[in-house]
N, C-alpha and C. Protein backbone atom coordinates (compact mmCIF):
# COMPACT_ATOMS: atom_id res chain seq x y z
N THR A 1 27.25 -4.57 23.22
CA THR A 1 27.81 -3.42 23.90
C THR A 1 26.77 -2.33 24.14
N HIS A 2 26.07 -1.90 23.07
CA HIS A 2 25.04 -0.88 23.21
C HIS A 2 24.04 -0.98 22.06
N ILE A 3 22.93 -0.28 22.19
CA ILE A 3 21.92 -0.24 21.13
C ILE A 3 21.89 1.18 20.57
N ASP A 4 21.90 1.26 19.25
CA ASP A 4 21.81 2.52 18.53
C ASP A 4 20.98 2.24 17.29
N GLY A 5 19.70 2.53 17.35
CA GLY A 5 18.78 2.17 16.27
C GLY A 5 18.94 3.00 15.01
N HIS A 6 18.63 2.39 13.87
CA HIS A 6 18.66 3.07 12.58
C HIS A 6 17.68 4.24 12.59
N GLN A 7 18.13 5.40 12.20
CA GLN A 7 17.30 6.61 12.19
C GLN A 7 16.68 6.90 13.56
N HIS A 8 17.33 6.41 14.61
CA HIS A 8 16.92 6.67 16.00
C HIS A 8 15.53 6.13 16.33
N MET A 9 15.09 5.12 15.60
CA MET A 9 13.76 4.53 15.80
C MET A 9 13.62 3.91 17.19
N HIS A 10 14.72 3.54 17.81
CA HIS A 10 14.66 2.82 19.08
C HIS A 10 14.08 3.64 20.23
N VAL A 11 13.99 4.96 20.09
CA VAL A 11 13.44 5.77 21.18
C VAL A 11 11.95 6.10 20.99
N LEU A 12 11.37 5.67 19.90
CA LEU A 12 9.94 5.92 19.70
C LEU A 12 9.13 5.18 20.76
N PRO A 13 8.09 5.80 21.28
CA PRO A 13 7.33 5.19 22.39
C PRO A 13 6.80 3.78 22.12
N THR A 14 6.46 3.48 20.87
CA THR A 14 5.95 2.14 20.56
C THR A 14 7.06 1.11 20.39
N VAL A 15 8.26 1.57 20.12
CA VAL A 15 9.39 0.67 19.89
C VAL A 15 10.22 0.47 21.15
N LEU A 16 10.31 1.48 21.99
CA LEU A 16 11.19 1.46 23.16
C LEU A 16 10.98 0.25 24.08
N PRO A 17 9.75 -0.14 24.42
CA PRO A 17 9.59 -1.31 25.30
C PRO A 17 10.19 -2.59 24.71
N ILE A 18 10.09 -2.74 23.40
CA ILE A 18 10.68 -3.91 22.73
C ILE A 18 12.20 -3.85 22.82
N VAL A 19 12.75 -2.66 22.60
CA VAL A 19 14.20 -2.48 22.66
C VAL A 19 14.70 -2.79 24.07
N ILE A 20 14.01 -2.31 25.08
CA ILE A 20 14.42 -2.57 26.47
C ILE A 20 14.34 -4.07 26.78
N GLU A 21 13.29 -4.71 26.34
CA GLU A 21 13.14 -6.15 26.56
C GLU A 21 14.30 -6.92 25.91
N GLN A 22 14.64 -6.56 24.68
CA GLN A 22 15.73 -7.23 23.98
C GLN A 22 17.08 -6.92 24.63
N ALA A 23 17.26 -5.69 25.09
CA ALA A 23 18.50 -5.33 25.76
C ALA A 23 18.71 -6.18 27.00
N LYS A 24 17.65 -6.36 27.77
CA LYS A 24 17.74 -7.19 28.98
C LYS A 24 18.00 -8.65 28.62
N GLN A 25 17.30 -9.15 27.61
CA GLN A 25 17.45 -10.55 27.22
C GLN A 25 18.87 -10.86 26.76
N TYR A 26 19.50 -9.92 26.06
CA TYR A 26 20.84 -10.16 25.52
C TYR A 26 21.94 -9.46 26.31
N SER A 27 21.64 -9.05 27.53
CA SER A 27 22.61 -8.43 28.44
C SER A 27 23.30 -7.21 27.82
N ILE A 28 22.54 -6.40 27.13
CA ILE A 28 23.06 -5.15 26.58
C ILE A 28 22.74 -4.07 27.61
N ASN A 29 23.77 -3.40 28.09
CA ASN A 29 23.56 -2.50 29.24
C ASN A 29 23.55 -1.02 28.91
N ALA A 30 23.49 -0.66 27.62
CA ALA A 30 23.49 0.76 27.26
C ALA A 30 22.68 0.99 25.99
N ILE A 31 22.00 2.12 25.96
CA ILE A 31 21.22 2.53 24.80
C ILE A 31 21.59 3.98 24.49
N ARG A 32 21.89 4.24 23.24
CA ARG A 32 22.25 5.60 22.82
C ARG A 32 20.99 6.44 22.72
N ILE A 33 21.01 7.60 23.37
CA ILE A 33 19.86 8.51 23.37
C ILE A 33 20.18 9.73 22.51
N PRO A 34 19.46 9.93 21.40
CA PRO A 34 19.74 11.07 20.51
C PRO A 34 19.06 12.35 20.99
N ASP A 35 19.41 12.78 22.19
CA ASP A 35 18.85 13.99 22.79
C ASP A 35 19.89 15.09 22.64
N GLU A 36 19.84 15.79 21.51
CA GLU A 36 20.85 16.80 21.21
C GLU A 36 20.51 18.11 21.91
N SER A 37 21.49 18.68 22.57
CA SER A 37 21.31 19.94 23.29
C SER A 37 20.83 21.05 22.36
N SER A 38 20.00 21.92 22.88
CA SER A 38 19.54 23.05 22.07
C SER A 38 20.66 24.05 21.82
N LEU A 39 21.80 23.87 22.49
CA LEU A 39 22.95 24.75 22.26
C LEU A 39 23.61 24.48 20.91
N PHE A 40 23.39 23.29 20.36
CA PHE A 40 23.94 22.96 19.05
C PHE A 40 22.99 23.49 17.99
N VAL A 41 23.31 24.63 17.42
CA VAL A 41 22.39 25.29 16.49
C VAL A 41 22.96 25.27 15.07
N ASN A 42 23.17 24.10 14.53
CA ASN A 42 23.68 24.01 13.17
C ASN A 42 22.54 23.79 12.17
N TYR A 43 21.32 24.17 12.55
CA TYR A 43 20.15 23.96 11.69
C TYR A 43 19.48 25.27 11.29
N MET A 44 20.13 26.39 11.53
CA MET A 44 19.45 27.66 11.34
C MET A 44 19.07 27.93 9.89
N TYR A 45 19.66 27.21 8.93
CA TYR A 45 19.33 27.45 7.53
C TYR A 45 18.35 26.41 6.99
N SER A 46 17.90 25.50 7.84
CA SER A 46 16.98 24.46 7.40
C SER A 46 15.88 24.26 8.44
N PRO A 47 14.75 24.93 8.26
CA PRO A 47 13.65 24.80 9.22
C PRO A 47 13.16 23.36 9.36
N VAL A 48 13.19 22.60 8.28
CA VAL A 48 12.73 21.21 8.33
C VAL A 48 13.64 20.38 9.23
N ARG A 49 14.96 20.55 9.09
CA ARG A 49 15.90 19.82 9.94
C ARG A 49 15.78 20.27 11.39
N LEU A 50 15.56 21.54 11.61
CA LEU A 50 15.39 22.05 12.97
C LEU A 50 14.15 21.42 13.61
N LEU A 51 13.07 21.35 12.87
CA LEU A 51 11.85 20.74 13.38
C LEU A 51 12.08 19.27 13.71
N GLY A 52 12.79 18.56 12.84
CA GLY A 52 13.11 17.15 13.09
C GLY A 52 13.96 16.98 14.33
N LYS A 53 14.94 17.87 14.50
CA LYS A 53 15.83 17.82 15.67
C LYS A 53 15.04 18.03 16.95
N VAL A 54 14.16 19.02 16.96
CA VAL A 54 13.37 19.31 18.15
C VAL A 54 12.44 18.14 18.48
N GLY A 55 11.79 17.60 17.46
CA GLY A 55 10.89 16.47 17.68
C GLY A 55 11.61 15.25 18.21
N LEU A 56 12.73 14.90 17.58
CA LEU A 56 13.48 13.72 18.01
C LEU A 56 14.07 13.92 19.40
N SER A 57 14.60 15.10 19.66
CA SER A 57 15.17 15.36 20.99
C SER A 57 14.10 15.28 22.07
N THR A 58 12.89 15.72 21.77
CA THR A 58 11.79 15.64 22.74
C THR A 58 11.43 14.19 23.04
N VAL A 59 11.29 13.39 21.99
CA VAL A 59 10.97 11.96 22.17
C VAL A 59 12.10 11.27 22.93
N ALA A 60 13.34 11.59 22.56
CA ALA A 60 14.49 10.96 23.21
C ALA A 60 14.57 11.33 24.68
N ALA A 61 14.32 12.60 25.00
CA ALA A 61 14.37 13.03 26.40
C ALA A 61 13.30 12.32 27.23
N LYS A 62 12.15 12.07 26.63
CA LYS A 62 11.09 11.36 27.35
C LYS A 62 11.43 9.88 27.53
N ALA A 63 12.26 9.33 26.64
CA ALA A 63 12.66 7.92 26.74
C ALA A 63 13.71 7.71 27.84
N ARG A 64 14.49 8.72 28.11
CA ARG A 64 15.61 8.58 29.06
C ARG A 64 15.20 8.02 30.43
N PRO A 65 14.16 8.54 31.09
CA PRO A 65 13.79 7.99 32.41
C PRO A 65 13.35 6.52 32.33
N THR A 66 12.65 6.16 31.27
CA THR A 66 12.22 4.76 31.11
C THR A 66 13.42 3.84 31.00
N ILE A 67 14.40 4.28 30.23
CA ILE A 67 15.62 3.49 30.06
C ILE A 67 16.35 3.37 31.40
N ARG A 68 16.51 4.49 32.08
CA ARG A 68 17.19 4.50 33.38
C ARG A 68 16.46 3.63 34.40
N ASP A 69 15.13 3.73 34.43
CA ASP A 69 14.33 2.96 35.39
C ASP A 69 14.44 1.45 35.17
N ASN A 70 14.88 1.06 33.99
CA ASN A 70 15.07 -0.36 33.68
C ASN A 70 16.51 -0.81 33.88
N GLY A 71 17.31 0.05 34.52
CA GLY A 71 18.68 -0.32 34.85
C GLY A 71 19.63 -0.33 33.67
N ILE A 72 19.31 0.43 32.64
CA ILE A 72 20.14 0.49 31.44
C ILE A 72 20.78 1.87 31.37
N TYR A 73 22.06 1.90 31.04
CA TYR A 73 22.77 3.17 30.90
C TYR A 73 22.40 3.84 29.58
N SER A 74 22.56 5.16 29.54
CA SER A 74 22.35 5.88 28.29
C SER A 74 23.40 6.98 28.17
N THR A 75 23.53 7.48 26.96
CA THR A 75 24.48 8.55 26.72
C THR A 75 24.02 9.81 27.43
N GLN A 76 24.99 10.56 27.92
CA GLN A 76 24.68 11.80 28.62
C GLN A 76 24.55 12.95 27.62
N TYR A 77 25.36 12.90 26.58
CA TYR A 77 25.37 13.96 25.57
C TYR A 77 25.30 13.33 24.18
N PHE A 78 24.79 14.10 23.23
CA PHE A 78 24.69 13.62 21.85
C PHE A 78 24.84 14.82 20.94
N TRP A 79 25.55 14.63 19.84
CA TRP A 79 25.68 15.69 18.85
C TRP A 79 25.79 15.05 17.48
N GLY A 80 25.06 15.59 16.52
CA GLY A 80 25.21 15.13 15.15
C GLY A 80 24.00 14.44 14.55
N MET A 81 22.83 15.00 14.73
CA MET A 81 21.64 14.40 14.12
C MET A 81 21.65 14.60 12.63
């Protein structure tokens, strides 16, 4: 049905091409993108979590066009890192 990697590893630049290849091979047409909107500010008491959220959202946002260009759907919104 879809791909949702453990700890969001599937969007890392070195892992993403493998994930896309496997998605195509097994006819999986969607990949969950953990690109959380900056409007969700539930990290104001934890700078470490905020830094992780910003880093992951940046990597995820960069993965989105690659996923789309390969004909795979992705989530439009995400909340809950």
